[in-house]
Amino acid sequence: MSEIHGLAVHAAGAHLLPYKYDAGELQANEVEIKISHCGVCHSDIHLIDNDWGFSKYPFIPGHEIVGTVVAVGSGVVDRKTGDRVGVGWQADSCGVCEWCRQGDEHLCAKSQPTCVGRNGGYADRVRVNSRFAIPVPAVLESENVAPLLCAGITVYSPLRNHGVRPSSRVGVIGIGGLGHLGLQFAKAFGAEVTAFSTSKDKEAEARSLGAHHFLNTQDTGALKKVAGSFDFLLSTVSADQDWQGYVNALRPKGMLCVVGVPPSPIQIQAFSLLGAQRSISGSPTGSPRDLHEMLDVAARHGVKAITERFAMSKANDAVAKVKKNQVRYRAVLAN
């Protein structure tokens, strides 16, 4: 049986409607996954609305998938039927380029996103290259783990790959779908953690998630008071910020890493980077290696997404709530 049923969008900004497609023969390197849960990510909204200009319709969104392997291709040796696995933004890569060879498959020029140019996780099943179906540790709940596969790895990967450690002073800018996970992972790395938020009412929750300090960025002069304080700042927000203020808040050799996408270009005085060897970087998702490690860290340190559950059939309601930023903090569809 190769017919897969899901909910597809047929034009930019349209409602999701029932849709089925023939997945064809299972390829030698693929697994078929029966989906139990799929997170609703802001990237899904951008794809539904064609904000990035490359959406092709009809397509089934969804790239924060948890489910059970129900079929394995003839060449698959690392997964078996019955395995509970997770799939994030990426479903395949070329496997042979420089980046794939060194374990950075997410940087592959032929990287295949899970729901761009193919159908994703708002469905009963999905197929991906087995290397991108990551085993989920038994102690993690499927609903809470689904958002880790995109939001979680988006904050974990830069913390991990830019060397955050117990001596680090880390700030997480924006306490939302990404930021609430960033606080938990930064704490797991043993860092001293500061939450930056425009919402004073998030202070108690930010502290419960791992923040040692809370800074209300609405307070005039708040950023000036922490000048020269941080080794690593992780910006998860999709709004324009006082970027120069954040660069000034870095210690020598400090880094501002951007994982949220603000609408306007980021403008910085070059001298503020040169003098103290500061840097600005960006980070996309992460490699299968990083996903394996992140789920292991989440299992051992009790990191989990705060979720609001919707039935798969109510996906349009979930999308509408995410669009209005009314979900605290991640919407998850359940089959």
Protein backbone atom coordinates (compact mmCIF):
# COMPACT_ATOMS: atom_id res chain seq x y z
CA MET A 1 0.00 0.00 0.00
CA SER A 2 1.75 3.18 -1.15
CA GLU A 3 -1.13 5.68 -0.88
CA ILE A 4 -0.49 8.29 1.80
CA HIS A 5 -3.27 10.48 3.21
CA GLY A 6 -2.67 13.94 4.62
CA LEU A 7 -3.70 17.59 4.65
CA ALA A 8 -2.35 19.74 1.84
CA VAL A 9 -2.38 23.40 0.95
CA HIS A 10 -3.32 23.98 -2.72
CA ALA A 11 -2.42 27.68 -3.09
CA ALA A 12 -0.51 30.31 -1.13
CA GLY A 13 -2.24 31.04 2.16
CA ALA A 14 -5.06 28.58 1.52
CA HIS A 15 -6.68 26.26 4.05
CA LEU A 16 -5.39 22.72 4.46
CA LEU A 17 -7.62 20.18 2.72
CA PRO A 18 -7.62 16.35 2.68
CA TYR A 19 -5.16 15.09 0.07
CA LYS A 20 -3.74 11.73 -0.92
CA TYR A 21 -0.75 10.82 -3.07
CA ASP A 22 0.95 7.71 -4.35
CA ALA A 23 4.37 7.38 -2.73
CA GLY A 24 5.45 4.72 -5.26
CA GLU A 25 8.01 2.00 -4.55
CA LEU A 26 9.89 2.22 -1.25
CA GLN A 27 13.49 3.11 -2.18
CA ALA A 28 16.36 0.93 -0.94
CA ASN A 29 17.60 3.60 1.51
CA GLU A 30 14.18 4.72 2.77
CA VAL A 31 11.97 3.98 5.75
CA GLU A 32 8.22 4.51 5.89
CA ILE A 33 7.01 6.01 9.16
CA LYS A 34 3.50 5.86 10.60
CA ILE A 35 3.12 9.34 12.09
CA SER A 36 1.82 9.76 15.64
CA HIS A 37 2.70 13.45 16.13
CA CYS A 38 3.83 16.41 14.04
CA GLY A 39 4.75 19.86 15.33
CA VAL A 40 3.51 23.05 13.68
CA CYS A 41 6.55 25.26 13.09
CA HIS A 42 6.63 28.90 11.94
CA SER A 43 8.55 27.61 8.90
CA ASP A 44 5.41 25.65 7.94
CA ILE A 45 3.45 28.92 8.00
CA HIS A 46 6.05 30.59 5.75
CA LEU A 47 5.82 27.66 3.32
CA ILE A 48 2.00 27.63 3.38
CA ASP A 49 1.96 31.38 2.61
CA ASN A 50 4.90 31.15 0.14
CA ASP A 51 6.75 33.88 2.09
CA TRP A 52 10.06 32.49 0.83
CA GLY A 53 8.99 32.30 -2.81
CA PHE A 54 9.76 28.62 -3.49
CA SER A 55 6.65 26.75 -2.32
CA LYS A 56 5.08 24.45 -4.92
CA TYR A 57 1.43 23.43 -4.56
CA PRO A 58 -0.26 21.22 -3.61
CA PHE A 59 1.97 20.05 -0.76
CA ILE A 60 1.62 18.62 2.74
CA PRO A 61 3.50 20.72 5.34
CA GLY A 62 5.15 19.40 8.51
CA HIS A 63 8.75 18.66 9.52
CA GLU A 64 8.67 17.93 13.28
CA ILE A 65 7.60 14.32 12.95
CA VAL A 66 7.48 11.48 15.46
CA GLY A 67 6.23 8.02 14.57
CA THR A 68 6.95 4.34 14.18
CA VAL A 69 8.85 2.67 11.35
CA VAL A 70 6.41 0.40 9.47
CA ALA A 71 8.54 -0.51 6.42
CA VAL A 72 12.26 -0.51 5.62
CA GLY A 73 13.98 -0.42 2.23
CA SER A 74 16.16 -3.32 1.09
CA GLY A 75 19.39 -1.44 1.83
CA VAL A 76 18.51 -0.16 5.32
CA VAL A 77 20.50 -1.74 8.14
CA ASP A 78 20.30 0.95 10.85
CA ARG A 79 16.49 0.95 11.41
CA LYS A 80 13.89 -1.76 11.81
CA THR A 81 10.10 -1.93 11.88
CA GLY A 82 8.72 -0.93 15.26
CA ASP A 83 11.43 1.67 15.97
CA ARG A 84 10.11 5.01 17.25
CA VAL A 85 11.89 7.72 15.28
CA GLY A 86 11.86 11.46 14.71
CA VAL A 87 12.32 13.43 11.50
CA GLY A 88 13.19 17.14 11.38
CA TRP A 89 13.67 19.73 8.64
CA GLN A 90 15.76 17.41 6.48
CA ALA A 91 14.77 14.12 4.81
CA ASP A 92 17.78 13.41 2.57
CA SER A 93 21.19 14.61 1.36
CA CYS A 94 23.57 13.52 -1.38
CA GLY A 95 25.74 11.51 1.04
CA VAL A 96 28.97 12.01 -0.92
CA CYS A 97 29.88 15.73 -0.95
CA GLU A 98 32.50 17.31 1.31
CA TRP A 99 29.85 18.35 3.85
CA CYS A 100 28.08 14.98 3.98
CA ARG A 101 31.43 13.19 4.35
CA GLN A 102 32.32 15.24 7.41
CA GLY A 103 28.93 14.78 9.08
CA ASP A 104 27.44 18.17 8.18
CA GLU A 105 24.66 16.82 5.95
CA HIS A 106 22.49 19.85 6.74
CA LEU A 107 24.98 21.98 4.73
CA CYS A 108 24.77 19.73 1.65
CA ALA A 109 23.94 21.70 -1.52
CA LYS A 110 21.52 18.91 -2.48
CA SER A 111 19.92 18.76 0.98
CA GLN A 112 16.29 17.67 0.64
CA PRO A 113 13.93 19.37 3.12
CA THR A 114 11.13 17.19 4.49
CA CYS A 115 8.30 19.36 3.15
CA VAL A 116 9.83 21.41 0.32
CA GLY A 117 9.45 19.74 -3.07
CA ARG A 118 7.94 16.73 -1.30
CA ASN A 119 5.12 15.98 1.14
CA GLY A 120 5.66 16.30 4.88
CA GLY A 121 4.18 15.31 8.21
CA TYR A 122 0.58 16.59 8.39
CA ALA A 123 -0.31 13.06 7.26
CA ASP A 124 -0.71 9.46 8.32
CA ARG A 125 2.69 8.39 6.98
CA VAL A 126 5.89 9.76 5.48
CA ARG A 127 9.02 8.37 3.81
CA VAL A 128 12.60 9.58 4.35
CA ASN A 129 16.18 8.39 3.95
CA SER A 130 16.78 6.17 7.00
CA ARG A 131 19.77 8.31 8.11
CA PHE A 132 17.34 11.16 8.78
CA ALA A 133 14.96 9.04 10.89
CA ILE A 134 16.50 9.52 14.34
CA PRO A 135 15.76 7.00 17.14
CA VAL A 136 13.83 8.61 20.02
CA PRO A 137 14.92 7.65 23.56
CA ALA A 138 12.22 5.74 25.44
CA VAL A 139 11.85 8.26 28.29
CA LEU A 140 10.79 11.09 25.97
CA GLU A 141 7.07 11.69 25.29
CA SER A 142 6.27 11.87 21.57
CA GLU A 143 4.22 15.06 21.92
CA ASN A 144 7.00 16.95 23.74
CA VAL A 145 9.78 15.58 21.57
CA ALA A 146 8.24 16.53 18.18
CA PRO A 147 9.21 20.25 18.40
CA LEU A 148 12.76 19.31 19.42
CA LEU A 149 13.31 17.96 15.90
CA CYS A 150 13.30 21.50 14.46
CA ALA A 151 13.01 24.12 17.22
CA GLY A 152 15.17 22.07 19.59
CA ILE A 153 18.00 21.34 17.16
CA THR A 154 17.94 24.97 15.95
CA VAL A 155 19.00 26.13 19.44
CA TYR A 156 21.02 23.06 20.46
CA SER A 157 23.27 23.01 17.41
CA PRO A 158 24.82 26.49 17.84
CA LEU A 159 25.29 26.04 21.60
CA ARG A 160 27.04 22.73 20.94
CA ASN A 161 29.08 23.69 17.89
CA HIS A 162 30.24 27.07 19.18
CA GLY A 163 31.64 25.47 22.32
CA VAL A 164 29.28 26.63 25.10
CA ARG A 165 30.50 25.10 28.37
CA PRO A 166 30.12 25.55 32.17
CA SER A 167 32.37 28.64 32.13
CA SER A 168 30.24 30.36 29.49
CA ARG A 169 27.93 33.29 30.11
CA VAL A 170 25.01 32.78 27.73
CA GLY A 171 22.04 34.98 26.88
CA VAL A 172 18.89 33.79 25.10
CA ILE A 173 17.03 36.60 23.32
CA GLY A 174 13.28 35.96 23.04
CA ILE A 175 11.46 33.42 25.21
CA GLY A 176 9.08 31.74 22.77
CA GLY A 177 8.96 28.54 20.75
CA LEU A 178 12.75 28.51 20.27
CA GLY A 179 13.85 30.48 23.32
CA HIS A 180 12.12 28.33 25.93
CA LEU A 181 14.15 25.38 24.61
CA GLY A 182 17.32 27.47 24.35
CA LEU A 183 17.14 28.22 28.09
CA GLN A 184 16.80 24.51 28.92
CA PHE A 185 19.71 23.43 26.72
CA ALA A 186 21.98 26.29 27.88
CA LYS A 187 21.33 25.17 31.46
CA ALA A 188 22.13 21.56 30.46
CA PHE A 189 25.50 22.80 29.16
CA GLY A 190 26.17 24.19 32.65
CA ALA A 191 26.33 27.81 31.49
CA GLU A 192 25.27 30.90 33.42
CA VAL A 193 22.03 31.77 31.61
CA THR A 194 20.26 35.11 31.11
CA ALA A 195 16.82 35.39 29.49
CA PHE A 196 16.10 38.53 27.44
CA SER A 197 12.41 39.24 26.88
CA THR A 198 10.00 42.08 26.18
CA SER A 199 7.43 40.30 28.40
CA LYS A 200 8.00 40.94 32.11
CA ASP A 201 5.36 38.28 32.87
CA LYS A 202 7.67 35.56 31.51
CA GLU A 203 10.29 36.03 34.23
CA ALA A 204 9.09 33.29 36.63
CA GLU A 205 8.73 30.79 33.80
CA ALA A 206 12.12 31.70 32.29
CA ARG A 207 13.76 31.06 35.66
CA SER A 208 11.94 27.73 36.02
CA LEU A 209 13.28 26.72 32.58
CA GLY A 210 16.89 27.40 33.57
CA ALA A 211 17.55 31.16 33.48
CA HIS A 212 19.66 32.49 36.36
CA HIS A 213 18.90 36.10 35.36
CA PHE A 214 16.08 37.88 33.55
CA LEU A 215 16.42 41.12 31.58
CA ASN A 216 13.34 43.03 30.44
CA THR A 217 14.44 44.62 27.15
CA GLN A 218 11.59 47.17 27.39
CA ASP A 219 13.50 48.83 30.24
CA THR A 220 15.43 51.82 28.94
CA GLY A 221 19.15 51.33 29.40
CA ALA A 222 18.82 47.64 30.34
CA LEU A 223 21.17 46.54 27.56
CA LYS A 224 23.75 49.23 28.40
CA LYS A 225 23.95 47.86 31.96
CA VAL A 226 25.14 44.45 30.69
CA ALA A 227 27.75 45.74 28.21
CA GLY A 228 30.74 43.39 27.95
CA SER A 229 28.98 40.56 29.86
CA PHE A 230 28.34 37.61 27.52
CA ASP A 231 30.36 34.94 25.73
CA PHE A 232 27.42 33.83 23.60
CA LEU A 233 24.10 35.43 22.72
CA LEU A 234 21.46 33.38 20.91
CA SER A 235 18.81 35.48 19.13
CA THR A 236 15.62 33.49 18.55
CA VAL A 237 13.37 36.46 17.68
CA SER A 238 11.86 37.34 14.31
CA ALA A 239 11.57 41.06 15.07
CA ASP A 240 14.10 43.89 14.64
CA GLN A 241 16.27 44.48 17.71
CA ASP A 242 18.92 46.81 19.09
CA TRP A 243 21.62 44.69 17.42
CA GLN A 244 24.40 47.12 18.25
CA GLY A 245 23.38 46.95 21.90
CA TYR A 246 23.62 43.16 21.81
CA VAL A 247 27.04 43.21 20.12
CA ASN A 248 28.18 45.67 22.81
CA ALA A 249 26.91 43.22 25.43
CA LEU A 250 29.47 40.63 24.27
CA ARG A 251 32.75 39.97 26.04
CA PRO A 252 35.99 39.81 24.02
CA LYS A 253 35.75 36.89 21.53
CA GLY A 254 32.01 36.76 22.20
CA MET A 255 29.52 35.71 19.53
CA LEU A 256 26.00 36.79 18.62
CA CYS A 257 24.31 33.88 16.84
CA VAL A 258 21.10 34.54 14.90
CA VAL A 259 18.56 31.72 14.50
CA GLY A 260 15.39 33.84 14.20
CA VAL A 261 14.86 35.86 11.01
CA PRO A 262 14.21 39.58 11.58
CA PRO A 263 12.56 41.51 8.71
CA SER A 264 15.29 44.15 8.23
CA PRO A 265 19.05 43.87 7.57
CA ILE A 266 21.23 43.72 10.69
CA GLN A 267 23.46 46.81 10.86
CA ILE A 268 26.55 46.82 13.07
CA GLN A 269 29.53 49.17 13.48
CA ALA A 270 32.60 47.28 12.28
CA PHE A 271 34.76 48.72 15.08
CA SER A 272 32.61 47.01 17.72
CA LEU A 273 33.56 43.65 16.15
CA LEU A 274 37.22 44.41 15.44
CA GLY A 275 38.32 45.76 18.79
CA ALA A 276 37.24 42.84 20.92
CA GLN A 277 37.33 40.07 18.28
CA ARG A 278 33.57 39.68 18.49
CA SER A 279 31.60 37.90 15.80
CA ILE A 280 28.10 37.44 14.41
CA SER A 281 27.01 34.09 12.99
CA GLY A 282 23.91 32.28 11.79
CA SER A 283 22.90 28.68 12.27
CA PRO A 284 20.33 26.55 10.43
CA THR A 285 19.07 23.22 11.83
CA GLY A 286 21.65 20.52 12.53
CA SER A 287 23.10 17.28 11.26
CA PRO A 288 21.78 13.77 12.01
CA ARG A 289 24.76 13.41 14.38
CA ASP A 290 23.65 16.52 16.29
CA LEU A 291 20.02 15.32 16.33
CA HIS A 292 21.06 11.97 17.86
CA GLU A 293 23.10 13.78 20.51
CA MET A 294 20.42 16.40 21.23
CA LEU A 295 17.75 13.76 21.88
CA ASP A 296 20.14 11.92 24.20
CA VAL A 297 20.88 15.16 26.09
CA ALA A 298 17.14 15.96 26.27
CA ALA A 299 16.45 12.49 27.69
CA ARG A 300 19.18 12.76 30.33
CA HIS A 301 18.52 16.38 31.34
CA GLY A 302 14.72 16.40 31.14
CA VAL A 303 14.52 18.95 28.32
CA LYS A 304 11.09 19.08 26.71
CA ALA A 305 8.98 21.42 24.65
CA ILE A 306 5.95 23.03 26.29
CA THR A 307 3.19 22.03 23.91
CA GLU A 308 -0.45 22.53 23.03
CA ARG A 309 -2.02 19.52 21.34
CA PHE A 310 -4.46 19.55 18.42
CA ALA A 311 -6.03 16.62 16.59
CA MET A 312 -4.49 16.22 13.11
CA SER A 313 -7.94 16.96 11.66
CA LYS A 314 -7.82 20.37 13.43
CA ALA A 315 -4.56 21.40 11.73
CA ASN A 316 -6.16 24.58 10.33
CA ASP A 317 -7.00 25.70 13.89
CA ALA A 318 -3.41 25.04 14.98
CA VAL A 319 -1.98 26.96 12.00
CA ALA A 320 -4.29 29.93 12.71
CA LYS A 321 -3.20 30.04 16.38
CA VAL A 322 0.49 29.80 15.50
CA LYS A 323 0.06 32.64 12.97
CA LYS A 324 -1.36 34.86 15.71
CA ASN A 325 1.41 33.84 18.18
CA GLN A 326 -1.24 32.50 20.55
CA VAL A 327 0.42 29.14 21.29
CA ARG A 328 2.64 28.79 24.33
CA TYR A 329 4.99 27.51 23.10
CA ARG A 330 4.65 24.86 20.34
CA ALA A 331 1.56 23.43 18.65
CA VAL A 332 1.62 19.68 18.00
CA LEU A 333 -0.78 17.69 15.81
CA ALA A 334 -1.69 14.18 16.99
CA ASN A 335 -3.02 11.35 14.82
